[in-house]
Amino acid sequence: MTDVDQRPSGPFRLGDRVQLTGPKGRLHTITLREGGELHTHHGVLRHEAIVGQADGSVVVNSGGSEYLALRPLLRDFVMSMPRGAAIVYPKDAAQIVAQADVFPGAVVVEAGVGSGALALWLLRAVGPQGRLLSFERREEFADVARANVTTFLGASPENWSIELGDLAVALPATVPAGTVDRVVLDMLAPWECIDVVADALTPGGVVICYVATATQLSRVAEYLRGTGLFTEPEANETMVRGWHVEGLAVRPDHRMVAHTGFLISARRLAPGAMPPDVRKRAVRKTAYGDDDVEQWTPGAVGDRDITDKNLRKRVREAERAAEGARLAAEGVARASGDADPTA
């Protein structure tokens, strides 16, 4: 299969993911299964009551409570899907796609793949003619990512692959030098991979790094400058503030999605090109030691390592959802007279 249907439409079918908005705006995300039921203190909603209904329908459970049924948008899906590693949030994924200028037909490398959230956004951006190569050190995370992508798209696209291993070692063995258009690094120490990224990128290509702390941000910037192979790095963060709009009551929401991470990007210079001399104020410190490294370990920045037992559970959840999506795709193919949905 070369072109996965990314525009799900039509009546709900078994295997579909459905976002249900119930009383008081409570959200439930379910996968429609034969004989399945959603139990809440408001009553029981049978999955069969949703199957065959149009997207955007209202269904009623046994207690008379109404639920609005919608297929999840990608931003909804990534916020509710099983996670092995922390995800790149939609606000940052949107900025990565925009700032890196990920275009249809592009060859893109990402590391690591995490739970597959960013991979879904990148696959949309590169389109069926592009290619996404994801690198991941942990096989369990790769399993979760594969299952999540399959769940949302209904199949695993042929223009996407996951390579297990360290990017610094695996990238030169996977792609020829100068053939990658964009590289996205979401890892603890991205500066360790900048040299191989520079070799892989085509002149004018973009590298963009997603880091959690200011210390990481500083080290990436200094390493990029030190190579002499990139334009002056640009750094920023994105904050999203919602607004309450009801009649004349228009005001900012009391809560907002503030800092989740920094983005820093630069473009690959042509071989032999020297970046223009940019005068800057003297920097007090550009060298890093063990004490600095301790400031950006997962524990230091508040991340909690997922236990092996929890990770195995997430893998099972993701694979069950992926199997449901595959069954739904097969059902659609049979209904349309195509015996092989992956042909």
Protein backbone atom coordinates (compact mmCIF):
# COMPACT_ATOMS: atom_id res chain seq x y z
CA MET A 1 0.00 0.00 0.00
CA THR A 2 1.51 3.31 -1.06
CA ASP A 3 -1.25 5.74 -0.18
CA VAL A 4 -3.00 5.37 3.17
CA ASP A 5 -6.45 6.96 3.33
CA GLN A 6 -5.99 9.92 5.67
CA ARG A 7 -9.52 11.29 5.13
CA PRO A 8 -11.76 8.92 7.07
CA SER A 9 -15.41 9.67 6.36
CA GLY A 10 -18.77 8.01 6.09
CA PRO A 11 -20.73 6.13 8.76
CA PHE A 12 -18.93 4.76 11.79
CA ARG A 13 -17.77 1.15 11.46
CA LEU A 14 -16.27 -1.47 13.74
CA GLY A 15 -12.65 -0.67 14.48
CA ASP A 16 -13.12 3.10 14.25
CA ARG A 17 -11.89 5.38 17.01
CA VAL A 18 -14.72 7.56 18.28
CA GLN A 19 -14.58 10.59 20.56
CA LEU A 20 -17.71 10.84 22.71
CA THR A 21 -18.63 14.08 24.45
CA GLY A 22 -21.08 13.35 27.24
CA PRO A 23 -22.76 15.19 30.09
CA LYS A 24 -20.83 18.22 31.38
CA GLY A 25 -18.41 17.95 28.46
CA ARG A 26 -16.80 14.74 29.70
CA LEU A 27 -14.74 13.10 26.93
CA HIS A 28 -14.43 9.38 26.24
CA THR A 29 -12.36 7.96 23.39
CA ILE A 30 -13.26 4.40 22.43
CA THR A 31 -12.58 1.88 19.67
CA LEU A 32 -15.79 0.40 18.29
CA ARG A 33 -15.89 -3.36 18.85
CA GLU A 34 -18.49 -6.05 18.31
CA GLY A 35 -20.37 -6.44 21.58
CA GLY A 36 -18.51 -3.49 23.11
CA GLU A 37 -20.04 -1.20 25.73
CA LEU A 38 -19.13 2.09 27.41
CA HIS A 39 -20.06 1.98 31.09
CA THR A 40 -20.38 5.22 33.10
CA HIS A 41 -22.43 6.24 36.12
CA HIS A 42 -24.88 7.75 33.59
CA GLY A 43 -25.64 4.33 32.08
CA VAL A 44 -24.44 1.98 29.33
CA LEU A 45 -23.80 2.95 25.72
CA ARG A 46 -23.56 0.00 23.33
CA HIS A 47 -21.08 0.30 20.50
CA GLU A 48 -23.70 -1.10 18.11
CA ALA A 49 -25.71 2.09 18.70
CA ILE A 50 -22.87 4.09 17.15
CA VAL A 51 -22.00 1.79 14.24
CA GLY A 52 -23.70 3.03 11.07
CA GLN A 53 -24.32 6.54 12.42
CA ALA A 54 -22.89 9.53 10.56
CA ASP A 55 -19.90 11.40 11.93
CA GLY A 56 -21.21 14.15 14.23
CA SER A 57 -24.31 12.22 15.36
CA VAL A 58 -25.84 12.26 18.83
CA VAL A 59 -26.44 8.87 20.46
CA VAL A 60 -28.30 8.04 23.68
CA ASN A 61 -27.25 5.54 26.35
CA SER A 62 -29.44 3.33 28.55
CA GLY A 63 -29.87 6.12 31.09
CA GLY A 64 -31.07 8.65 28.54
CA SER A 65 -27.81 10.63 28.51
CA GLU A 66 -26.79 12.05 25.15
CA TYR A 67 -23.31 11.76 23.63
CA LEU A 68 -21.93 13.60 20.64
CA ALA A 69 -19.96 11.10 18.51
CA LEU A 70 -17.09 12.39 16.34
CA ARG A 71 -14.04 10.86 14.77
CA PRO A 72 -11.05 12.30 16.65
CA LEU A 73 -8.97 14.94 14.91
CA LEU A 74 -5.27 14.16 14.87
CA ARG A 75 -4.70 16.56 17.75
CA ASP A 76 -7.39 14.71 19.75
CA PHE A 77 -5.93 11.31 18.90
CA VAL A 78 -2.37 12.07 19.96
CA MET A 79 -3.55 13.39 23.31
CA SER A 80 -5.47 10.19 24.13
CA MET A 81 -3.43 7.42 22.46
CA PRO A 82 -1.35 4.93 24.48
CA ARG A 83 2.07 6.34 25.31
CA GLY A 84 5.40 4.66 25.80
CA ALA A 85 7.41 7.89 25.84
CA ALA A 86 6.24 11.46 26.29
CA ILE A 87 4.69 12.95 23.16
CA VAL A 88 5.40 16.12 21.20
CA TYR A 89 2.28 18.21 21.85
CA PRO A 90 0.21 19.50 18.92
CA LYS A 91 1.29 23.12 19.44
CA ASP A 92 4.95 22.12 19.12
CA ALA A 93 4.34 19.64 16.29
CA ALA A 94 2.66 22.40 14.29
CA GLN A 95 5.65 24.68 14.82
CA ILE A 96 8.11 21.92 13.87
CA VAL A 97 6.29 21.33 10.58
CA ALA A 98 6.15 25.08 9.90
CA GLN A 99 9.63 26.15 11.04
CA ALA A 100 11.34 23.20 9.35
CA ASP A 101 9.19 23.82 6.25
CA VAL A 102 8.33 20.13 5.87
CA PHE A 103 6.89 19.86 2.36
CA PRO A 104 5.15 17.18 0.26
CA GLY A 105 7.75 14.81 -1.18
CA ALA A 106 10.41 15.65 1.42
CA VAL A 107 12.79 13.08 2.90
CA VAL A 108 12.61 13.57 6.66
CA VAL A 109 14.52 11.96 9.51
CA GLU A 110 13.24 12.05 13.10
CA ALA A 111 14.86 10.75 16.28
CA GLY A 112 13.49 9.40 18.51
CA VAL A 113 10.08 8.21 17.47
CA GLY A 114 8.67 8.21 21.03
CA SER A 115 5.00 7.20 20.87
CA GLY A 116 4.51 8.18 17.23
CA ALA A 117 2.73 11.52 17.72
CA LEU A 118 5.18 13.62 15.71
CA ALA A 119 5.49 10.86 13.10
CA LEU A 120 1.79 11.24 12.31
CA TRP A 121 2.14 14.98 11.71
CA LEU A 122 5.27 14.48 9.59
CA LEU A 123 3.63 11.75 7.49
CA ARG A 124 0.78 14.12 6.70
CA ALA A 125 3.22 16.85 5.74
CA VAL A 126 5.46 14.77 3.44
CA GLY A 127 2.50 13.09 1.74
CA PRO A 128 2.57 9.75 -0.10
CA GLN A 129 5.46 10.86 -2.33
CA GLY A 130 7.70 11.78 0.61
CA ARG A 131 9.58 9.56 3.03
CA LEU A 132 9.88 9.50 6.81
CA LEU A 133 12.68 7.62 8.55
CA SER A 134 12.26 7.36 12.32
CA PHE A 135 15.05 6.24 14.64
CA GLU A 136 14.46 4.86 18.12
CA ARG A 137 16.74 3.23 20.70
CA ARG A 138 14.03 1.29 22.58
CA GLU A 139 12.12 -1.44 20.79
CA GLU A 140 9.11 -1.10 23.13
CA PHE A 141 8.69 2.57 22.17
CA ALA A 142 8.94 1.62 18.50
CA ASP A 143 6.19 -0.99 18.99
CA VAL A 144 3.88 1.60 20.57
CA ALA A 145 4.61 4.10 17.77
CA ARG A 146 3.89 1.53 15.03
CA ALA A 147 0.60 0.55 16.64
CA ASN A 148 -0.50 4.17 17.16
CA VAL A 149 0.24 5.14 13.55
CA THR A 150 -1.60 2.05 12.31
CA THR A 151 -4.56 2.83 14.56
CA PHE A 152 -4.97 6.34 13.21
CA LEU A 153 -4.24 5.64 9.54
CA GLY A 154 -5.74 2.15 9.33
CA ALA A 155 -2.43 0.68 8.11
CA SER A 156 1.29 1.29 8.32
CA PRO A 157 2.34 3.46 5.35
CA GLU A 158 5.07 2.11 3.09
CA ASN A 159 6.87 5.45 3.03
CA TRP A 160 7.61 5.20 6.77
CA SER A 161 10.21 3.06 8.48
CA ILE A 162 11.56 2.75 12.01
CA GLU A 163 15.23 1.94 12.52
CA LEU A 164 16.28 0.62 15.92
CA GLY A 165 19.55 1.96 17.27
CA ASP A 166 21.54 5.09 17.99
CA LEU A 167 21.09 7.77 15.33
CA ALA A 168 24.78 8.65 15.40
CA VAL A 169 25.60 5.10 14.32
CA ALA A 170 22.54 4.12 12.28
CA LEU A 171 21.99 7.26 10.16
CA PRO A 172 25.17 7.03 8.03
CA ALA A 173 24.41 3.38 7.34
CA THR A 174 20.79 4.10 6.36
CA VAL A 175 20.87 7.13 4.04
CA PRO A 176 23.48 8.41 1.54
CA ALA A 177 25.21 11.67 2.40
CA GLY A 178 23.46 14.85 1.26
CA THR A 179 20.06 13.23 0.57
CA VAL A 180 17.93 14.25 3.58
CA ASP A 181 15.81 17.41 3.41
CA ARG A 182 14.82 17.81 7.06
CA VAL A 183 15.97 16.35 10.40
CA VAL A 184 13.98 16.57 13.64
CA LEU A 185 15.82 15.68 16.86
CA ASP A 186 13.75 15.00 19.98
CA MET A 187 16.31 13.52 22.35
CA LEU A 188 18.24 14.19 25.53
CA ALA A 189 21.55 15.17 23.92
CA PRO A 190 20.97 16.19 20.27
CA TRP A 191 24.45 17.71 19.94
CA GLU A 192 25.87 14.17 19.94
CA CYS A 193 24.24 13.63 16.53
CA ILE A 194 24.84 16.99 14.84
CA ASP A 195 27.92 15.80 12.92
CA VAL A 196 26.15 12.86 11.23
CA VAL A 197 23.10 15.05 10.64
CA ALA A 198 25.29 17.59 8.84
CA ASP A 199 26.59 14.83 6.56
CA ALA A 200 23.09 13.52 5.81
CA LEU A 201 21.48 16.91 5.07
CA THR A 202 21.32 18.38 1.60
CA PRO A 203 22.66 21.97 1.31
CA GLY A 204 19.92 24.29 2.53
CA GLY A 205 18.32 21.47 4.53
CA VAL A 206 16.96 22.14 8.01
CA VAL A 207 17.77 20.58 11.37
CA ILE A 208 15.37 21.37 14.20
CA CYS A 209 15.79 20.21 17.81
CA TYR A 210 13.15 19.92 20.52
CA VAL A 211 14.69 20.28 23.99
CA ALA A 212 13.25 20.72 27.46
CA THR A 213 15.66 23.01 29.33
CA ALA A 214 17.57 26.23 28.77
CA THR A 215 20.87 24.45 29.44
CA GLN A 216 20.19 21.97 26.65
CA LEU A 217 19.17 24.84 24.39
CA SER A 218 22.46 26.65 25.03
CA ARG A 219 24.58 23.59 24.35
CA VAL A 220 22.81 22.79 21.06
CA ALA A 221 23.24 26.39 19.90
CA GLU A 222 26.94 26.47 20.73
CA TYR A 223 27.57 23.12 19.05
CA LEU A 224 25.78 24.21 15.88
CA ARG A 225 27.84 27.40 15.79
CA GLY A 226 31.04 25.50 16.50
CA THR A 227 30.70 23.21 13.49
CA GLY A 228 30.76 26.08 11.01
CA LEU A 229 28.41 24.01 8.86
CA PHE A 230 25.11 25.74 9.68
CA THR A 231 23.46 29.14 9.60
CA GLU A 232 23.05 31.03 12.86
CA PRO A 233 20.60 28.96 14.97
CA GLU A 234 17.19 30.38 15.83
CA ALA A 235 15.43 29.45 19.08
CA ASN A 236 11.92 29.97 20.40
CA GLU A 237 9.11 28.44 22.44
CA THR A 238 5.37 28.38 21.80
CA MET A 239 2.67 29.19 24.34
CA VAL A 240 -1.03 28.77 23.60
CA ARG A 241 -3.67 30.67 25.54
CA GLY A 242 -7.31 29.86 24.99
CA TRP A 243 -10.13 32.40 25.21
CA HIS A 244 -13.62 32.17 26.63
CA VAL A 245 -16.04 33.67 24.11
CA GLU A 246 -19.73 33.77 25.02
CA GLY A 247 -21.77 36.82 24.06
CA LEU A 248 -20.06 39.86 25.50
CA ALA A 249 -18.15 37.73 28.02
CA VAL A 250 -14.83 37.61 26.18
CA ARG A 251 -11.75 36.94 28.28
CA PRO A 252 -8.63 34.77 28.41
CA ASP A 253 -9.02 31.31 29.91
CA HIS A 254 -7.77 30.91 33.47
CA ARG A 255 -5.36 28.20 32.37
CA MET A 256 -3.00 27.98 29.39
CA VAL A 257 -0.58 25.54 27.77
CA ALA A 258 2.68 27.31 28.48
CA HIS A 259 6.21 25.89 28.33
CA THR A 260 6.58 22.34 27.05
CA GLY A 261 9.91 22.69 25.27
CA PHE A 262 12.22 24.86 23.18
CA LEU A 263 12.72 24.62 19.43
CA ILE A 264 16.07 25.50 17.89
CA SER A 265 16.73 25.27 14.16
CA ALA A 266 19.46 25.97 11.62
CA ARG A 267 20.09 25.36 7.90
CA ARG A 268 22.93 23.39 6.32
CA LEU A 269 25.47 25.49 4.46
CA ALA A 270 26.90 24.44 1.11
CA PRO A 271 30.20 22.52 1.26
CA GLY A 272 33.07 24.95 1.77
CA ALA A 273 30.80 27.90 2.50
CA MET A 274 31.78 30.12 5.42
CA PRO A 275 29.00 31.74 7.46
CA PRO A 276 29.18 35.54 7.64
CA ASP A 277 30.93 36.83 10.73
CA VAL A 278 28.20 37.87 13.17
CA ARG A 279 29.42 40.02 16.04
CA LYS A 280 28.06 39.06 19.41
CA ARG A 281 28.65 39.98 23.00
CA ALA A 282 31.20 37.83 24.77
CA VAL A 283 29.73 34.65 26.17
CA ARG A 284 30.76 33.89 29.73
CA LYS A 285 30.75 30.12 29.37
CA THR A 286 30.60 27.80 26.39
CA ALA A 287 32.14 24.63 27.85
CA TYR A 288 30.04 22.04 29.65
CA GLY A 289 30.94 19.61 32.40
CA ASP A 290 29.31 16.80 34.38
CA ASP A 291 27.46 19.26 36.63
CA ASP A 292 25.80 20.79 33.59
CA VAL A 293 24.77 17.40 32.26
CA GLU A 294 23.03 16.61 35.55
CA GLN A 295 20.75 19.61 35.04
CA TRP A 296 19.00 18.04 32.04
CA THR A 297 18.65 14.40 33.06
CA PRO A 298 15.02 13.17 32.93
CA GLY A 299 14.73 13.21 36.72
CA ALA A 300 16.09 16.73 36.99
CA VAL A 301 13.52 18.13 34.56
CA GLY A 302 10.64 16.30 36.22
CA ASP A 303 10.19 13.42 33.77
CA ARG A 304 9.18 10.08 35.21
CA ASP A 305 10.65 6.96 33.66
CA ILE A 306 7.91 4.53 32.68
CA THR A 307 8.20 1.13 34.35
CA ASP A 308 8.69 -1.98 32.23
CA LYS A 309 5.32 -3.33 33.42
CA ASN A 310 3.54 -0.11 32.46
CA LEU A 311 5.32 -0.01 29.12
CA ARG A 312 4.25 -3.57 28.28
CA LYS A 313 0.67 -2.55 29.11
CA ARG A 314 0.88 0.46 26.76
CA VAL A 315 2.24 -1.76 23.98
CA ARG A 316 -0.72 -4.15 24.39
CA GLU A 317 -3.23 -1.27 24.38
CA ALA A 318 -1.71 0.26 21.26
CA GLU A 319 -1.56 -3.07 19.41
CA ARG A 320 -5.21 -3.85 20.25
CA ALA A 321 -6.26 -0.48 18.82
CA ALA A 322 -4.10 -1.08 15.73
CA GLU A 323 -5.69 -4.49 15.16
CA GLY A 324 -9.14 -2.92 15.33
CA ALA A 325 -8.13 -0.34 12.73
CA ARG A 326 -6.74 -3.04 10.44
CA LEU A 327 -9.96 -5.06 10.73
CA ALA A 328 -12.00 -1.95 9.88
CA ALA A 329 -9.84 -1.29 6.81
CA GLU A 330 -10.28 -4.90 5.68
CA GLY A 331 -14.05 -4.59 6.12
CA VAL A 332 -14.16 -1.47 3.96
CA ALA A 333 -12.03 -3.16 1.32
CA ARG A 334 -14.32 -6.22 1.22
CA ALA A 335 -17.39 -4.00 0.96
CA SER A 336 -15.86 -2.19 -2.02
CA GLY A 337 -14.95 -5.48 -3.72
CA ASP A 338 -11.18 -5.23 -3.07
CA ALA A 339 -10.07 -8.46 -1.45
CA ASP A 340 -6.63 -7.11 -0.53
CA PRO A 341 -6.77 -3.76 1.35
CA THR A 342 -2.99 -3.39 1.23
CA ALA A 343 -2.68 -3.87 -2.53
